[in-house]
Amino acid sequence: MRTVLIANRGEIAVRIARTCREMGLRTVAVYSRADADAAVLDLADEAVCIGEGAPRRSYLDTLALLEAAVQRGADAVHPGYGFLSENADFAELCAAAGLTFVGPPAPVMAALGDKIAARRTMADAGVPVLPGSAGPVRDERELLRVGAEIGYPFMVKAAAGGGGRGIRLTSHPGAAPAAFRETRHDAAALFGDDRVYLERYVEQARHLEVQILADGHGNVVSLGERDCTVQRRHQKLVEESPAPGLDPATREALHDAAVRGARRAGYVGAGTWEFLLDAAGRFHFTEVNCRLQVEHPVTEMVTGVDIVRQQLLIADGQRLDLPGVTSRGAAVECRINAEDPQRGFLPTAGLITDFRPPGGPFTRVDTHCYGGCRIPAHYDSLLAKVITWGADRAEVLARMDRALAELVVAGPGIRTTAPFLRTILADPRFAAARHTTTLLDPPVAEAQYSATTS
């Protein structure tokens, strides 16, 4: 592997380019016309414009990406996260073009990307799964029959879903048909696959995930767990490691389950096994993310392992060389989005006239922003990720609050979620690690934010 095409944009493109440079790999950055001022263009060895601002005419245009890779002599493609990162067809096209896809093999990705098939595979591996439908639910009659067997409340979920999309909660039979129809419609529009399945809803749950690395020689290691419980509408906002209050036996069993599931699936690369932890302390598998996670820096901060570097080494056919991975201290990440919490988290695009990230000890900022850059309206609103490390949870949360207070992002009409995130850190339930996935259930959370900032 000598030259890597970075098939993505924003902060993750910058993140990948930096590790490639440290490894002595050449990089080819791609950009849309809306991203003509992208920060990654200054870090990459070459840059190629691949189309208009709309994602389907640029970052989702597989032919444009492959043409750029071949023309510029790339021998590998790193998809980052989002866009085509979990697209098995794209991985196959890369292989057909003689390009190394930095991710799991296409068949493995296809099998685990189908949430129904993934549940079956994990159950076969002895990994605990939530009660749910054995296969796709085809009509409303089957919906009501299976729903009664599972018990209410339950989730209607897209079989090909991901990123917190294609999910609806239904709490009684009268609401189930509408949730079924709406989720099928969303699944077809978002993923081109209208299959849905049912899964029992876990009340008072925590959302935990295990980061694994697996090479092509049968070696699989766990890099520990992250707690991603703080979410708004199934979108993660705050992530931390280690998961607070998790007893050692449950932690070990959680890691073992993820490693066992990865072995069963024949997984290769970096991947994340996601679980829900119920009030009784039992964990249940929900899905696999066959890619680099947005929150991967949290694990890097506590383990010292560069996950992007490991992805590239694994893709190059090398064996894992990570004896005795240990976790030290605590880390937390806050996602800074260009959104206005006082207006229902409406995205705010435009020119950033002043951008001053926080600094100080054990503070990391992954971003593509700078004073004078423009935030396009075409893409996800993520501006930056602020990550801090501390000797323990109290220290790392105090450091994060200080870092968020230092952050300056200014421009006409630009608003960010940073002040809202500080209210989360100050919430007594979060501070005491007594929060669940319902912490930010609307409208309570937004009302609290408005009261604290008015």
Protein backbone atom coordinates (compact mmCIF):
# COMPACT_ATOMS: atom_id res chain seq x y z
CA MET A 1 0.00 0.00 0.00
CA ARG A 2 1.47 3.31 -1.08
CA THR A 3 -1.33 5.75 -1.93
CA VAL A 4 -4.70 6.05 -0.18
CA LEU A 5 -7.72 7.79 -1.66
CA ILE A 6 -9.81 9.32 1.15
CA ALA A 7 -13.41 8.82 0.05
CA ASN A 8 -14.92 11.26 2.53
CA ARG A 9 -14.96 14.84 3.75
CA GLY A 10 -14.92 16.94 6.91
CA GLU A 11 -13.07 16.11 10.08
CA ILE A 12 -12.70 12.41 9.32
CA ALA A 13 -10.92 13.16 6.03
CA VAL A 14 -8.46 15.34 7.97
CA ARG A 15 -8.05 12.61 10.59
CA ILE A 16 -7.22 9.94 8.00
CA ALA A 17 -4.82 12.21 6.09
CA ARG A 18 -2.78 12.88 9.22
CA THR A 19 -2.26 9.22 10.09
CA CYS A 20 -1.40 8.42 6.47
CA ARG A 21 1.28 11.12 6.52
CA GLU A 22 2.74 9.71 9.74
CA MET A 23 2.89 6.28 8.08
CA GLY A 24 4.60 7.63 4.95
CA LEU A 25 1.56 6.97 2.74
CA ARG A 26 0.57 9.34 -0.06
CA THR A 27 -3.00 10.60 0.00
CA VAL A 28 -5.51 11.66 -2.60
CA ALA A 29 -8.33 13.82 -1.23
CA VAL A 30 -11.64 14.17 -3.04
CA TYR A 31 -13.93 17.15 -2.72
CA SER A 32 -17.18 18.51 -4.07
CA ARG A 33 -17.54 22.01 -5.45
CA ALA A 34 -19.22 22.96 -2.16
CA ASP A 35 -16.05 21.85 -0.34
CA ALA A 36 -13.55 23.75 -2.50
CA ASP A 37 -12.04 25.31 0.65
CA ALA A 38 -11.84 22.04 2.61
CA ALA A 39 -9.02 21.78 5.15
CA VAL A 40 -8.01 18.31 3.93
CA LEU A 41 -6.89 19.79 0.60
CA ASP A 42 -3.89 21.35 2.35
CA LEU A 43 -2.94 18.06 4.00
CA ALA A 44 -3.27 15.65 1.08
CA ASP A 45 -0.65 15.12 -1.62
CA GLU A 46 -3.25 15.46 -4.37
CA ALA A 47 -6.86 16.56 -4.61
CA VAL A 48 -9.61 15.76 -7.12
CA CYS A 49 -12.96 17.48 -7.55
CA ILE A 50 -15.57 14.76 -7.99
CA GLY A 51 -18.77 16.72 -8.59
CA GLU A 52 -21.44 19.05 -7.31
CA GLY A 53 -22.38 19.70 -3.70
CA ALA A 54 -25.21 17.19 -3.48
CA PRO A 55 -23.82 13.94 -2.00
CA ARG A 56 -25.27 11.75 -4.75
CA ARG A 57 -23.36 13.81 -7.28
CA SER A 58 -20.08 13.68 -5.37
CA TYR A 59 -19.31 11.62 -2.24
CA LEU A 60 -21.88 8.94 -3.12
CA ASP A 61 -20.85 8.77 -6.78
CA THR A 62 -18.98 5.46 -6.85
CA LEU A 63 -17.81 5.84 -10.45
CA ALA A 64 -16.36 9.30 -9.80
CA LEU A 65 -14.50 8.00 -6.75
CA LEU A 66 -13.11 4.97 -8.55
CA GLU A 67 -12.06 7.06 -11.52
CA ALA A 68 -10.22 9.48 -9.22
CA ALA A 69 -8.46 6.58 -7.49
CA VAL A 70 -7.32 4.92 -10.70
CA GLN A 71 -6.27 8.14 -12.44
CA ARG A 72 -4.19 9.30 -9.46
CA GLY A 73 -2.52 5.95 -8.87
CA ALA A 74 -4.15 5.08 -5.58
CA ASP A 75 -3.99 1.45 -4.50
CA ALA A 76 -6.31 1.75 -1.49
CA VAL A 77 -9.53 3.54 -0.54
CA HIS A 78 -10.40 4.61 3.01
CA PRO A 79 -14.14 5.38 3.27
CA GLY A 80 -14.11 6.97 6.76
CA TYR A 81 -17.61 6.83 8.27
CA GLY A 82 -20.97 7.60 6.70
CA PHE A 83 -21.41 7.91 2.92
CA LEU A 84 -20.11 4.64 1.38
CA SER A 85 -18.29 3.28 4.42
CA GLU A 86 -20.74 0.38 4.91
CA ASN A 87 -21.70 -0.10 1.28
CA ALA A 88 -20.79 -3.66 0.31
CA ASP A 89 -21.33 -2.93 -3.39
CA PHE A 90 -18.72 -0.15 -3.23
CA ALA A 91 -16.27 -2.49 -1.48
CA GLU A 92 -16.77 -5.02 -4.29
CA LEU A 93 -16.25 -2.35 -6.95
CA CYS A 94 -12.99 -1.32 -5.29
CA ALA A 95 -11.79 -4.93 -5.33
CA ALA A 96 -12.76 -5.31 -8.99
CA ALA A 97 -10.72 -2.20 -9.79
CA GLY A 98 -7.68 -3.62 -8.00
CA LEU A 99 -8.07 -1.29 -5.01
CA THR A 100 -7.79 -2.29 -1.36
CA PHE A 101 -10.93 -1.27 0.53
CA VAL A 102 -10.02 -0.28 4.09
CA GLY A 103 -12.78 -2.17 5.84
CA PRO A 104 -14.22 -5.65 6.20
CA PRO A 105 -14.69 -7.92 3.18
CA ALA A 106 -17.81 -7.12 1.16
CA PRO A 107 -19.64 -10.39 2.03
CA VAL A 108 -19.06 -9.87 5.75
CA MET A 109 -20.20 -6.26 5.51
CA ALA A 110 -23.33 -7.27 3.60
CA ALA A 111 -24.19 -9.97 6.14
CA LEU A 112 -23.72 -7.76 9.20
CA GLY A 113 -25.27 -4.72 7.53
CA ASP A 114 -28.51 -6.68 7.33
CA LYS A 115 -29.68 -6.27 10.92
CA ILE A 116 -31.88 -9.37 10.77
CA ALA A 117 -29.02 -11.57 9.54
CA ALA A 118 -26.68 -10.01 12.11
CA ARG A 119 -29.06 -10.93 14.94
CA ARG A 120 -29.09 -14.54 13.74
CA THR A 121 -25.30 -14.69 13.48
CA MET A 122 -24.81 -13.29 16.97
CA ALA A 123 -27.41 -15.63 18.46
CA ASP A 124 -25.57 -18.56 16.83
CA ALA A 125 -22.36 -17.29 18.49
CA GLY A 126 -24.02 -17.29 21.90
CA VAL A 127 -24.21 -13.51 22.11
CA PRO A 128 -27.35 -12.33 23.97
CA VAL A 129 -29.85 -10.69 21.60
CA LEU A 130 -33.07 -8.87 22.37
CA PRO A 131 -36.39 -10.66 21.82
CA GLY A 132 -37.63 -9.79 18.34
CA SER A 133 -38.98 -11.06 15.06
CA ALA A 134 -37.13 -14.00 13.51
CA GLY A 135 -37.21 -12.34 10.09
CA PRO A 136 -38.72 -9.36 8.28
CA VAL A 137 -42.30 -8.47 9.16
CA ARG A 138 -44.31 -8.45 5.93
CA ASP A 139 -47.73 -7.03 6.82
CA GLU A 140 -49.79 -5.50 9.62
CA ARG A 141 -51.35 -8.81 10.60
CA GLU A 142 -47.93 -10.32 11.19
CA LEU A 143 -46.86 -7.11 12.92
CA LEU A 144 -49.61 -7.37 15.53
CA ARG A 145 -49.11 -11.12 16.02
CA VAL A 146 -45.34 -10.89 16.53
CA GLY A 147 -45.70 -7.70 18.57
CA ALA A 148 -48.01 -9.47 20.99
CA GLU A 149 -45.46 -12.28 21.35
CA ILE A 150 -42.58 -9.87 22.00
CA GLY A 151 -44.58 -7.58 24.26
CA TYR A 152 -44.99 -3.82 24.26
CA PRO A 153 -43.21 -1.47 23.95
CA PHE A 154 -41.14 -2.54 20.96
CA MET A 155 -39.13 -0.91 18.19
CA VAL A 156 -39.89 -1.13 14.49
CA LYS A 157 -36.47 -1.03 12.80
CA ALA A 158 -35.19 -0.95 9.22
CA ALA A 159 -33.29 -4.12 8.35
CA ALA A 160 -30.76 -2.09 6.35
CA GLY A 161 -30.77 0.87 8.75
CA GLY A 162 -27.95 2.61 10.53
CA GLY A 163 -26.87 5.87 12.10
CA GLY A 164 -29.97 5.99 14.28
CA ARG A 165 -32.28 6.26 11.28
CA GLY A 166 -35.20 4.03 10.37
CA ILE A 167 -36.38 3.39 13.96
CA ARG A 168 -39.76 3.95 15.60
CA LEU A 169 -41.02 3.12 19.07
CA THR A 170 -44.54 1.80 19.53
CA SER A 171 -46.06 1.38 22.98
CA HIS A 172 -49.50 -0.14 22.22
CA PRO A 173 -51.30 -2.04 19.43
CA GLY A 174 -53.16 1.04 18.24
CA ALA A 175 -49.92 2.83 17.36
CA ALA A 176 -48.16 -0.15 15.77
CA PRO A 177 -49.62 -0.03 12.21
CA ALA A 178 -48.67 3.61 11.69
CA ALA A 179 -45.15 3.01 13.02
CA PHE A 180 -44.85 0.02 10.70
CA ARG A 181 -45.97 1.94 7.60
CA GLU A 182 -43.83 4.98 8.34
CA THR A 183 -40.69 2.96 9.07
CA ARG A 184 -41.12 0.94 5.86
CA HIS A 185 -41.49 4.16 3.90
CA ASP A 186 -38.38 5.67 5.51
CA ALA A 187 -36.40 2.45 5.02
CA ALA A 188 -37.19 2.38 1.29
CA ALA A 189 -36.33 6.08 0.88
CA LEU A 190 -33.15 6.05 2.97
CA PHE A 191 -31.70 2.62 2.28
CA GLY A 192 -33.46 1.30 -0.81
CA ASP A 193 -34.76 -1.64 1.24
CA ASP A 194 -38.21 -1.53 2.85
CA ARG A 195 -37.77 -4.61 5.08
CA VAL A 196 -38.39 -3.99 8.77
CA TYR A 197 -38.18 -6.14 11.87
CA LEU A 198 -39.27 -5.86 15.49
CA GLU A 199 -37.11 -5.70 18.59
CA ARG A 200 -38.15 -5.42 22.21
CA TYR A 201 -37.62 -1.91 23.63
CA VAL A 202 -35.42 -1.77 26.72
CA GLU A 203 -36.66 0.82 29.17
CA GLN A 204 -34.13 2.59 31.41
CA ALA A 205 -31.34 1.35 29.15
CA ARG A 206 -27.74 2.35 28.71
CA HIS A 207 -26.11 2.15 25.28
CA LEU A 208 -22.71 0.45 25.33
CA GLU A 209 -20.43 -0.51 22.47
CA VAL A 210 -17.22 -2.50 22.17
CA GLN A 211 -14.43 -1.50 19.79
CA ILE A 212 -12.75 -4.50 18.19
CA LEU A 213 -9.88 -4.98 15.77
CA ALA A 214 -9.54 -8.15 13.71
CA ASP A 215 -6.87 -9.05 11.17
CA GLY A 216 -6.99 -11.46 8.25
CA HIS A 217 -5.05 -14.10 10.19
CA GLY A 218 -7.68 -14.95 12.79
CA ASN A 219 -6.57 -12.53 15.51
CA VAL A 220 -9.31 -10.51 17.23
CA VAL A 221 -8.82 -8.06 20.13
CA SER A 222 -11.12 -5.82 22.11
CA LEU A 223 -10.03 -2.24 22.77
CA GLY A 224 -12.64 -1.83 25.49
CA GLU A 225 -16.09 -0.34 25.69
CA ARG A 226 -17.62 3.10 25.24
CA ASP A 227 -20.79 4.44 26.86
CA CYS A 228 -22.91 6.24 24.25
CA THR A 229 -26.06 6.61 26.34
CA VAL A 230 -26.50 10.36 25.82
CA GLN A 231 -28.53 10.56 22.62
CA ARG A 232 -31.12 12.77 20.99
CA ARG A 233 -33.47 11.00 18.60
CA HIS A 234 -31.08 8.04 18.42
CA GLN A 235 -28.13 10.34 17.53
CA LYS A 236 -25.17 10.17 19.90
CA LEU A 237 -24.00 13.43 21.49
CA VAL A 238 -21.59 12.43 24.27
CA GLU A 239 -19.44 9.31 24.48
CA GLU A 240 -17.09 8.13 27.19
CA SER A 241 -14.76 5.31 28.15
CA PRO A 242 -14.74 3.35 30.33
CA ALA A 243 -18.47 2.97 30.90
CA PRO A 244 -19.07 4.35 34.40
CA GLY A 245 -20.35 2.00 37.08
CA LEU A 246 -19.94 -1.18 35.02
CA ASP A 247 -18.91 -4.08 37.24
CA PRO A 248 -15.77 -6.01 36.21
CA ALA A 249 -17.59 -9.28 35.48
CA THR A 250 -20.11 -7.61 33.16
CA ARG A 251 -17.33 -5.66 31.44
CA GLU A 252 -15.34 -8.82 30.76
CA ALA A 253 -18.42 -10.68 29.51
CA LEU A 254 -19.32 -7.75 27.23
CA HIS A 255 -15.86 -7.72 25.65
CA ASP A 256 -15.85 -11.50 25.27
CA ALA A 257 -19.25 -11.41 23.54
CA ALA A 258 -18.04 -8.86 20.99
CA VAL A 259 -14.87 -10.84 20.24
CA ARG A 260 -16.86 -14.06 19.96
CA GLY A 261 -19.32 -12.40 17.58
CA ALA A 262 -16.51 -11.01 15.43
CA ARG A 263 -14.91 -14.43 15.14
CA ARG A 264 -18.21 -16.03 14.19
CA ALA A 265 -18.81 -13.43 11.48
CA GLY A 266 -15.29 -13.76 10.04
CA TYR A 267 -14.76 -10.07 10.67
CA VAL A 268 -11.65 -8.23 9.44
CA GLY A 269 -10.82 -4.59 10.24
CA ALA A 270 -12.08 -2.14 12.86
CA GLY A 271 -15.66 -2.69 13.94
CA THR A 272 -18.02 -1.85 16.76
CA TRP A 273 -20.44 -4.23 18.48
CA GLU A 274 -23.35 -2.30 20.00
CA PHE A 275 -25.37 -3.39 23.04
CA LEU A 276 -28.10 -2.19 25.36
CA LEU A 277 -27.65 -2.66 29.10
CA ASP A 278 -30.93 -3.09 30.99
CA ALA A 279 -31.77 -2.04 34.54
CA ALA A 280 -30.86 -5.50 35.83
CA GLY A 281 -27.35 -5.20 34.40
CA ARG A 282 -27.88 -7.62 31.49
CA PHE A 283 -26.55 -6.66 28.08
CA HIS A 284 -28.19 -7.39 24.72
CA PHE A 285 -26.71 -7.15 21.23
CA THR A 286 -28.34 -4.66 18.83
CA GLU A 287 -26.10 -4.21 15.77
CA VAL A 288 -22.60 -4.07 14.28
CA ASN A 289 -21.05 -0.97 12.76
CA CYS A 290 -18.67 -2.22 10.04
CA ARG A 291 -16.59 0.94 9.94
CA LEU A 292 -14.68 3.53 11.90
CA GLN A 293 -16.95 5.18 14.48
CA VAL A 294 -17.30 8.93 14.95
CA GLU A 295 -16.38 8.38 18.59
CA HIS A 296 -13.22 6.32 17.99
CA PRO A 297 -10.95 9.01 19.58
CA VAL A 298 -12.40 8.16 23.00
CA THR A 299 -10.88 4.68 22.77
CA GLU A 300 -7.63 6.06 21.35
CA MET A 301 -7.26 8.39 24.33
CA VAL A 302 -7.54 5.63 26.95
CA THR A 303 -5.61 2.91 25.10
CA GLY A 304 -2.99 4.85 23.13
CA VAL A 305 -3.89 2.82 20.01
CA ASP A 306 -4.23 4.71 16.70
CA ILE A 307 -7.27 2.92 15.27
CA VAL A 308 -6.91 4.42 11.78
CA ARG A 309 -3.32 3.19 11.66
CA GLN A 310 -4.47 -0.28 12.65
CA GLN A 311 -7.15 -0.20 9.94
CA LEU A 312 -4.52 0.55 7.31
CA LEU A 313 -2.11 -2.12 8.58
CA ILE A 314 -4.86 -4.74 8.63
CA ALA A 315 -5.99 -3.77 5.11
CA ASP A 316 -2.37 -4.18 4.00
CA GLY A 317 -2.47 -7.79 5.19
CA GLN A 318 -0.41 -7.38 8.34
CA ARG A 319 -0.98 -9.17 11.62
CA LEU A 320 -2.21 -7.37 14.71
CA ASP A 321 0.66 -6.56 17.04
CA LEU A 322 -1.11 -5.25 20.14
CA PRO A 323 -0.04 -7.38 23.09
CA GLY A 324 -1.65 -6.52 26.39
CA VAL A 325 -3.91 -3.60 25.42
CA THR A 326 -4.95 -1.81 28.60
CA SER A 327 -7.19 1.14 29.37
CA ARG A 328 -5.85 4.01 31.46
CA GLY A 329 -7.87 6.81 33.00
CA ALA A 330 -11.07 8.12 31.42
CA ALA A 331 -11.95 9.96 28.22
CA VAL A 332 -15.04 11.75 26.98
CA GLU A 333 -16.04 13.15 23.59
CA CYS A 334 -18.59 15.85 22.79
CA ARG A 335 -19.81 16.31 19.23
CA ILE A 336 -20.05 19.97 18.23
CA ASN A 337 -22.72 20.44 15.59
CA ALA A 338 -23.75 23.55 13.68
CA GLU A 339 -27.29 23.45 15.08
CA ASP A 340 -29.47 25.79 17.10
CA PRO A 341 -30.91 24.00 20.16
CA GLN A 342 -33.33 26.88 20.78
CA ARG A 343 -34.87 26.32 17.35
CA GLY A 344 -35.37 22.59 17.53
CA PHE A 345 -31.72 21.85 16.61
CA LEU A 346 -32.18 23.41 13.20
CA PRO A 347 -28.92 23.15 11.20
CA THR A 348 -27.09 26.44 10.67
CA ALA A 349 -24.88 26.70 7.61
CA GLY A 350 -22.77 29.63 6.44
CA LEU A 351 -19.45 31.39 6.89
CA ILE A 352 -17.40 30.85 10.05
CA THR A 353 -15.60 34.13 10.68
CA ASP A 354 -13.91 33.12 13.94
CA PHE A 355 -12.94 29.61 15.02
CA ARG A 356 -10.90 29.11 18.19
CA PRO A 357 -10.69 25.52 19.46
CA PRO A 358 -9.85 24.85 23.10
CA GLY A 359 -6.37 23.84 24.19
CA GLY A 360 -4.66 22.83 27.38
CA PRO A 361 -3.48 19.51 28.79
CA PHE A 362 -5.06 16.28 27.59
CA THR A 363 -7.44 18.09 25.24
CA ARG A 364 -7.86 16.99 21.63
CA VAL A 365 -9.98 18.60 18.91
CA ASP A 366 -10.73 16.78 15.66
CA THR A 367 -12.08 19.31 13.18
CA HIS A 368 -12.02 20.55 9.60
CA CYS A 369 -13.03 24.10 10.53
CA TYR A 370 -11.05 27.33 10.58
CA GLY A 371 -11.79 31.03 10.54
CA GLY A 372 -12.90 31.89 7.02
CA CYS A 373 -14.26 28.46 6.05
CA ARG A 374 -17.81 27.98 4.89
CA ILE A 375 -20.15 25.30 6.23
CA PRO A 376 -22.21 23.90 3.33
CA ALA A 377 -25.86 23.04 3.80
CA HIS A 378 -25.50 19.77 1.87
CA TYR A 379 -23.91 17.63 4.58
CA ASP A 380 -24.02 16.51 8.19
CA SER A 381 -23.71 19.43 10.60
CA LEU A 382 -20.73 18.07 12.57
CA LEU A 383 -18.11 20.80 13.00
CA ALA A 384 -15.74 19.28 15.51
CA LYS A 385 -15.23 16.67 18.17
CA VAL A 386 -13.77 17.78 21.48
CA ILE A 387 -12.11 14.95 23.39
CA THR A 388 -10.55 15.17 26.84
CA TRP A 389 -8.69 12.71 29.04
CA GLY A 390 -8.43 12.58 32.83
CA ALA A 391 -7.22 10.30 35.58
CA ASP A 392 -10.84 9.59 36.48
CA ARG A 393 -14.36 10.55 35.41
CA ALA A 394 -14.63 13.60 37.66
CA GLU A 395 -11.42 15.07 36.28
CA VAL A 396 -12.25 14.37 32.63
CA LEU A 397 -15.73 15.91 32.90
CA ALA A 398 -14.36 19.05 34.57
CA ARG A 399 -11.77 19.29 31.80
CA MET A 400 -14.46 18.88 29.13
CA ASP A 401 -16.60 21.63 30.66
CA ARG A 402 -13.60 23.95 30.61
CA ALA A 403 -12.84 23.03 27.00
CA LEU A 404 -16.40 23.66 25.84
CA ALA A 405 -16.39 27.02 27.58
CA GLU A 406 -13.22 27.98 25.66
CA LEU A 407 -14.55 26.96 22.24
CA VAL A 408 -15.41 29.87 19.95
CA VAL A 409 -17.34 29.34 16.71
CA ALA A 410 -18.76 32.56 15.28
CA GLY A 411 -20.29 33.72 12.03
CA PRO A 412 -23.51 35.21 10.66
CA GLY A 413 -26.32 32.93 11.76
CA ILE A 414 -23.97 30.22 13.04
CA ARG A 415 -25.05 28.47 16.23
CA THR A 416 -23.56 25.38 17.83
CA THR A 417 -24.56 22.73 20.34
CA ALA A 418 -21.66 23.51 22.71
CA PRO A 419 -23.77 25.38 25.31
CA PHE A 420 -26.36 22.60 25.25
CA LEU A 421 -23.64 20.02 25.84
CA ARG A 422 -22.50 21.91 28.93
CA THR A 423 -26.03 21.60 30.36
CA ILE A 424 -25.78 17.85 29.84
CA LEU A 425 -22.49 17.68 31.74
CA ALA A 426 -24.09 19.65 34.58
CA ASP A 427 -27.18 17.43 34.78
CA PRO A 428 -27.09 15.64 38.17
CA ARG A 429 -28.18 12.36 36.55
CA PHE A 430 -25.30 12.44 34.09
CA ALA A 431 -22.78 13.61 36.68
CA ALA A 432 -23.74 10.68 38.91
CA ALA A 433 -23.83 8.24 35.95
CA ARG A 434 -27.51 7.52 36.63
CA HIS A 435 -28.65 8.58 33.16
CA THR A 436 -30.30 6.39 30.54
CA THR A 437 -31.10 6.76 26.85
CA THR A 438 -34.20 8.76 27.84
CA LEU A 439 -32.13 11.57 29.40
CA LEU A 440 -32.84 13.91 26.50
CA ASP A 441 -36.36 12.85 25.68
CA PRO A 442 -38.16 15.91 24.25
CA PRO A 443 -39.60 18.27 25.15
CA VAL A 444 -38.10 18.23 28.65
CA ALA A 445 -34.45 18.52 27.62
CA GLU A 446 -34.96 21.40 25.21
CA ALA A 447 -37.09 23.25 27.76
CA GLN A 448 -34.34 22.85 30.34
CA TYR A 449 -31.78 24.16 27.88
CA SER A 450 -33.90 27.21 27.05
CA ALA A 451 -34.32 27.96 30.74
CA THR A 452 -30.58 27.81 31.43
CA THR A 453 -29.59 29.97 28.46
CA SER A 454 -32.34 32.59 28.48
